[in-house]
Amino acid sequence: MIKVLFVCHGNICRSPMAEFILKDMVSKRNMEEQFYIESAATSTEEIWNGIGNPVYPPAREELAKYGIRCDGKRAVQLKKSDYEKYDYILGMEERNIRNMMRILESDPENKVKLFLSYSSRPRDIADPWYTGDFRATYRDIVEGCEGFLQYLKESGVLSH
């Protein structure tokens, strides 16, 4: 089982989009039994009294354009214990990586990576909360997911 955790600032736009896009991709390839995929936030800004906010409506709407549902997803915060639970802990931007390391404290197994480091053009995924460009975020995440799956295949982690 390949355990993947996507992380962004609030867990209401980029990281849940990545979670559900990758879930959709592996489902369409009949590989869902090989993956456990979740997402989390570095901050508690979208979590009130222990209850996380749902996926931001424009992010949910962008996913829906491609037939991807994210019903029931609520923001959760990254915990230090997540380090042992996941094989890949992927941040959407360098600032997320810095904040992730404050929570995780160390990365002895080299699990923490910039998500788009798996693409041919490593870079941050701009936060659509600020840019308003959810289409660009979707495209960047698809590029990252395709690159990540290719990496898993080429490295022999993925069986098909």
C-alpha atoms as a PDB file:
ATOM      1  CA  MET A   1       0.000   0.000   0.000  1.00  0.00           C
ATOM      2  CA  ILE A   2       1.378   3.394  -1.063  1.00  0.00           C
ATOM      3  CA  LYS A   3       0.356   5.980   1.541  1.00  0.00           C
ATOM      4  CA  VAL A   4       0.282   9.581   0.315  1.00  0.00           C
ATOM      5  CA  LEU A   5      -0.507  12.757   2.258  1.00  0.00           C
ATOM      6  CA  PHE A   6      -0.919  16.054   0.394  1.00  0.00           C
ATOM      7  CA  VAL A   7      -0.397  19.189   2.481  1.00  0.00           C
ATOM      8  CA  CYS A   8      -1.173  22.873   1.962  1.00  0.00           C
ATOM      9  CA  HIS A   9      -1.891  25.814   4.256  1.00  0.00           C
ATOM     10  CA  GLY A  10      -5.609  25.388   4.998  1.00  0.00           C
ATOM     11  CA  ASN A  11      -6.590  22.010   3.487  1.00  0.00           C
ATOM     12  CA  ILE A  12      -9.560  23.525   1.656  1.00  0.00           C
ATOM     13  CA  CYS A  13      -8.144  24.155  -1.856  1.00  0.00           C
ATOM     14  CA  ARG A  14      -4.885  22.674  -3.183  1.00  0.00           C
ATOM     15  CA  SER A  15      -4.276  19.639  -0.986  1.00  0.00           C
ATOM     16  CA  PRO A  16      -7.851  18.299  -1.150  1.00  0.00           C
ATOM     17  CA  MET A  17      -7.859  18.924  -4.909  1.00  0.00           C
ATOM     18  CA  ALA A  18      -4.663  16.845  -5.147  1.00  0.00           C
ATOM     19  CA  GLU A  19      -6.140  14.163  -2.879  1.00  0.00           C
ATOM     20  CA  PHE A  20      -9.249  13.709  -4.998  1.00  0.00           C
ATOM     21  CA  ILE A  21      -7.527  14.098  -8.383  1.00  0.00           C
ATOM     22  CA  LEU A  22      -5.031  11.364  -7.475  1.00  0.00           C
ATOM     23  CA  LYS A  23      -7.829   9.173  -6.084  1.00  0.00           C
ATOM     24  CA  ASP A  24      -9.677   9.637  -9.389  1.00  0.00           C
ATOM     25  CA  MET A  25      -6.575   8.794 -11.447  1.00  0.00           C
ATOM     26  CA  VAL A  26      -5.769   5.619  -9.530  1.00  0.00           C
ATOM     27  CA  SER A  27      -9.429   4.555  -9.606  1.00  0.00           C
ATOM     28  CA  LYS A  28      -9.572   4.961 -13.391  1.00  0.00           C
ATOM     29  CA  ARG A  29      -6.414   2.823 -13.640  1.00  0.00           C
ATOM     30  CA  ASN A  30      -7.913   0.156 -11.330  1.00  0.00           C
ATOM     31  CA  MET A  31      -5.133   0.739  -8.783  1.00  0.00           C
ATOM     32  CA  GLU A  32      -7.149   2.099  -5.852  1.00  0.00           C
ATOM     33  CA  GLU A  33      -6.335  -0.937  -3.692  1.00  0.00           C
ATOM     34  CA  GLN A  34      -2.647  -0.005  -3.949  1.00  0.00           C
ATOM     35  CA  PHE A  35      -3.116   3.490  -2.497  1.00  0.00           C
ATOM     36  CA  TYR A  36      -4.186   5.275   0.662  1.00  0.00           C
ATOM     37  CA  ILE A  37      -4.504   9.001  -0.124  1.00  0.00           C
ATOM     38  CA  GLU A  38      -5.416  11.848   2.241  1.00  0.00           C
ATOM     39  CA  SER A  39      -4.707  15.557   2.713  1.00  0.00           C
ATOM     40  CA  ALA A  40      -4.037  17.937   5.593  1.00  0.00           C
ATOM     41  CA  ALA A  41      -3.249  21.542   6.542  1.00  0.00           C
ATOM     42  CA  THR A  42      -0.256  23.116   8.205  1.00  0.00           C
ATOM     43  CA  SER A  43      -2.506  25.667   9.938  1.00  0.00           C
ATOM     44  CA  THR A  44      -5.672  25.531  12.009  1.00  0.00           C
ATOM     45  CA  GLU A  45      -7.247  28.520  10.235  1.00  0.00           C
ATOM     46  CA  GLU A  46      -9.917  26.342   8.602  1.00  0.00           C
ATOM     47  CA  ILE A  47     -10.598  24.234  11.704  1.00  0.00           C
ATOM     48  CA  TRP A  48     -13.061  25.528  14.308  1.00  0.00           C
ATOM     49  CA  ASN A  49     -13.661  23.769  17.637  1.00  0.00           C
ATOM     50  CA  GLY A  50     -12.102  20.632  16.196  1.00  0.00           C
ATOM     51  CA  ILE A  51     -14.296  20.628  13.088  1.00  0.00           C
ATOM     52  CA  GLY A  52     -12.671  21.409   9.756  1.00  0.00           C
ATOM     53  CA  ASN A  53     -14.275  23.456   7.039  1.00  0.00           C
ATOM     54  CA  PRO A  54     -15.326  21.653   3.845  1.00  0.00           C
ATOM     55  CA  VAL A  55     -13.506  22.037   0.539  1.00  0.00           C
ATOM     56  CA  TYR A  56     -13.755  25.659  -0.648  1.00  0.00           C
ATOM     57  CA  PRO A  57     -16.696  25.908  -3.114  1.00  0.00           C
ATOM     58  CA  PRO A  58     -14.664  27.109  -6.149  1.00  0.00           C
ATOM     59  CA  ALA A  59     -12.224  24.195  -5.632  1.00  0.00           C
ATOM     60  CA  ARG A  60     -15.132  21.762  -5.329  1.00  0.00           C
ATOM     61  CA  GLU A  61     -16.693  23.257  -8.483  1.00  0.00           C
ATOM     62  CA  GLU A  62     -13.440  22.902 -10.442  1.00  0.00           C
ATOM     63  CA  LEU A  63     -13.213  19.221  -9.480  1.00  0.00           C
ATOM     64  CA  ALA A  64     -16.883  18.711 -10.413  1.00  0.00           C
ATOM     65  CA  LYS A  65     -16.168  19.938 -13.967  1.00  0.00           C
ATOM     66  CA  TYR A  66     -14.140  16.742 -14.381  1.00  0.00           C
ATOM     67  CA  GLY A  67     -16.613  14.476 -12.606  1.00  0.00           C
ATOM     68  CA  ILE A  68     -14.564  14.380  -9.403  1.00  0.00           C
ATOM     69  CA  ARG A  69     -16.455  14.520  -6.109  1.00  0.00           C
ATOM     70  CA  CYS A  70     -15.030  15.465  -2.728  1.00  0.00           C
ATOM     71  CA  ASP A  71     -18.144  15.084  -0.589  1.00  0.00           C
ATOM     72  CA  GLY A  72     -17.556  14.880   3.140  1.00  0.00           C
ATOM     73  CA  LYS A  73     -13.954  16.108   3.072  1.00  0.00           C
ATOM     74  CA  ARG A  74     -13.174  18.486   5.933  1.00  0.00           C
ATOM     75  CA  ALA A  75      -9.941  20.241   6.810  1.00  0.00           C
ATOM     76  CA  VAL A  76      -7.614  18.474   9.238  1.00  0.00           C
ATOM     77  CA  GLN A  77      -4.226  19.555  10.528  1.00  0.00           C
ATOM     78  CA  LEU A  78      -0.981  17.695   9.926  1.00  0.00           C
ATOM     79  CA  LYS A  79       0.232  15.920  13.080  1.00  0.00           C
ATOM     80  CA  LYS A  80       3.712  14.755  14.004  1.00  0.00           C
ATOM     81  CA  SER A  81       2.359  11.175  14.131  1.00  0.00           C
ATOM     82  CA  ASP A  82       1.457  11.421  10.414  1.00  0.00           C
ATOM     83  CA  TYR A  83       5.137  10.959   9.616  1.00  0.00           C
ATOM     84  CA  GLU A  84       5.003   7.277  10.536  1.00  0.00           C
ATOM     85  CA  LYS A  85       1.631   6.786   8.830  1.00  0.00           C
ATOM     86  CA  TYR A  86       2.577   7.970   5.310  1.00  0.00           C
ATOM     87  CA  ASP A  87       5.237   7.074   2.735  1.00  0.00           C
ATOM     88  CA  TYR A  88       5.023  10.375   0.834  1.00  0.00           C
ATOM     89  CA  ILE A  89       4.181  13.723   2.455  1.00  0.00           C
ATOM     90  CA  LEU A  90       3.852  16.228  -0.364  1.00  0.00           C
ATOM     91  CA  GLY A  91       3.701  19.985   0.110  1.00  0.00           C
ATOM     92  CA  MET A  92       2.153  22.300  -2.457  1.00  0.00           C
ATOM     93  CA  GLU A  93       4.776  25.047  -2.019  1.00  0.00           C
ATOM     94  CA  GLU A  94       8.089  25.676  -0.286  1.00  0.00           C
ATOM     95  CA  ARG A  95       6.373  27.636   2.498  1.00  0.00           C
ATOM     96  CA  ASN A  96       4.226  24.571   3.209  1.00  0.00           C
ATOM     97  CA  ILE A  97       7.389  22.455   3.417  1.00  0.00           C
ATOM     98  CA  ARG A  98       8.889  24.808   6.021  1.00  0.00           C
ATOM     99  CA  ASN A  99       5.680  24.732   8.071  1.00  0.00           C
ATOM    100  CA  MET A 100       5.418  20.950   7.692  1.00  0.00           C
ATOM    101  CA  MET A 101       8.934  20.579   9.081  1.00  0.00           C
ATOM    102  CA  ARG A 102       7.996  22.709  12.105  1.00  0.00           C
ATOM    103  CA  ILE A 103       5.270  20.158  12.867  1.00  0.00           C
ATOM    104  CA  LEU A 104       7.134  16.986  11.883  1.00  0.00           C
ATOM    105  CA  GLU A 105      10.478  18.228  13.303  1.00  0.00           C
ATOM    106  CA  SER A 106      12.616  15.944  11.121  1.00  0.00           C
ATOM    107  CA  ASP A 107      12.511  13.900   7.923  1.00  0.00           C
ATOM    108  CA  PRO A 108      14.961  11.017   8.434  1.00  0.00           C
ATOM    109  CA  GLU A 109      13.317   8.875   5.725  1.00  0.00           C
ATOM    110  CA  ASN A 110      13.142  11.681   3.124  1.00  0.00           C
ATOM    111  CA  LYS A 111       9.336  11.478   2.846  1.00  0.00           C
ATOM    112  CA  VAL A 112       8.699  15.238   2.652  1.00  0.00           C
ATOM    113  CA  LYS A 113       8.832  16.617  -0.885  1.00  0.00           C
ATOM    114  CA  LEU A 114       7.600  19.541  -2.924  1.00  0.00           C
ATOM    115  CA  PHE A 115       4.726  17.996  -4.897  1.00  0.00           C
ATOM    116  CA  LEU A 116       5.740  19.405  -8.277  1.00  0.00           C
ATOM    117  CA  SER A 117       9.285  18.093  -7.825  1.00  0.00           C
ATOM    118  CA  TYR A 118       7.772  15.021  -9.531  1.00  0.00           C
ATOM    119  CA  SER A 119       6.935  17.077 -12.634  1.00  0.00           C
ATOM    120  CA  SER A 120       9.240  18.161 -15.450  1.00  0.00           C
ATOM    121  CA  ARG A 121       8.938  21.744 -14.128  1.00  0.00           C
ATOM    122  CA  PRO A 122       9.423  21.727 -10.335  1.00  0.00           C
ATOM    123  CA  ARG A 123       7.750  24.766  -8.775  1.00  0.00           C
ATOM    124  CA  ASP A 124       5.198  25.885  -6.212  1.00  0.00           C
ATOM    125  CA  ILE A 125       1.502  25.469  -6.937  1.00  0.00           C
ATOM    126  CA  ALA A 126       0.051  28.958  -6.546  1.00  0.00           C
ATOM    127  CA  ASP A 127      -2.688  29.211  -3.938  1.00  0.00           C
ATOM    128  CA  PRO A 128      -6.002  29.753  -5.768  1.00  0.00           C
ATOM    129  CA  TRP A 129      -7.459  31.256  -2.589  1.00  0.00           C
ATOM    130  CA  TYR A 130      -5.377  34.309  -3.580  1.00  0.00           C
ATOM    131  CA  THR A 131      -5.072  33.946  -7.375  1.00  0.00           C
ATOM    132  CA  GLY A 132      -8.681  32.913  -8.023  1.00  0.00           C
ATOM    133  CA  ASP A 133      -7.361  30.689 -10.844  1.00  0.00           C
ATOM    134  CA  PHE A 134      -8.691  27.260  -9.911  1.00  0.00           C
ATOM    135  CA  ARG A 135      -8.275  26.021 -13.487  1.00  0.00           C
ATOM    136  CA  ALA A 136      -4.496  26.645 -13.343  1.00  0.00           C
ATOM    137  CA  THR A 137      -4.366  24.912  -9.954  1.00  0.00           C
ATOM    138  CA  TYR A 138      -6.224  21.920 -11.391  1.00  0.00           C
ATOM    139  CA  ARG A 139      -3.807  21.709 -14.351  1.00  0.00           C
ATOM    140  CA  ASP A 140      -0.744  21.981 -12.095  1.00  0.00           C
ATOM    141  CA  ILE A 141      -2.078  19.253  -9.802  1.00  0.00           C
ATOM    142  CA  VAL A 142      -2.852  16.933 -12.731  1.00  0.00           C
ATOM    143  CA  GLU A 143       0.711  17.488 -13.968  1.00  0.00           C
ATOM    144  CA  GLY A 144       2.048  16.667 -10.502  1.00  0.00           C
ATOM    145  CA  CYS A 145      -0.112  13.550 -10.127  1.00  0.00           C
ATOM    146  CA  GLU A 146       0.929  12.240 -13.539  1.00  0.00           C
ATOM    147  CA  GLY A 147       4.591  12.863 -12.711  1.00  0.00           C
ATOM    148  CA  PHE A 148       4.221  11.238  -9.297  1.00  0.00           C
ATOM    149  CA  LEU A 149       2.581   8.114 -10.762  1.00  0.00           C
ATOM    150  CA  GLN A 150       5.312   7.947 -13.419  1.00  0.00           C
ATOM    151  CA  TYR A 151       7.955   8.217 -10.684  1.00  0.00           C
ATOM    152  CA  LEU A 152       6.326   5.383  -8.718  1.00  0.00           C
ATOM    153  CA  LYS A 153       6.216   3.228 -11.847  1.00  0.00           C
ATOM    154  CA  GLU A 154       9.813   3.947 -12.891  1.00  0.00           C
ATOM    155  CA  SER A 155      11.152   3.414  -9.375  1.00  0.00           C
ATOM    156  CA  GLY A 156       9.415   0.035  -9.138  1.00  0.00           C
ATOM    157  CA  VAL A 157       7.147   1.059  -6.248  1.00  0.00           C
ATOM    158  CA  LEU A 158       4.020   0.696  -8.380  1.00  0.00           C
ATOM    159  CA  SER A 159       3.308  -2.795  -9.660  1.00  0.00           C
ATOM    160  CA  HIS A 160       1.584  -1.712 -12.906  1.00  0.00           C
END
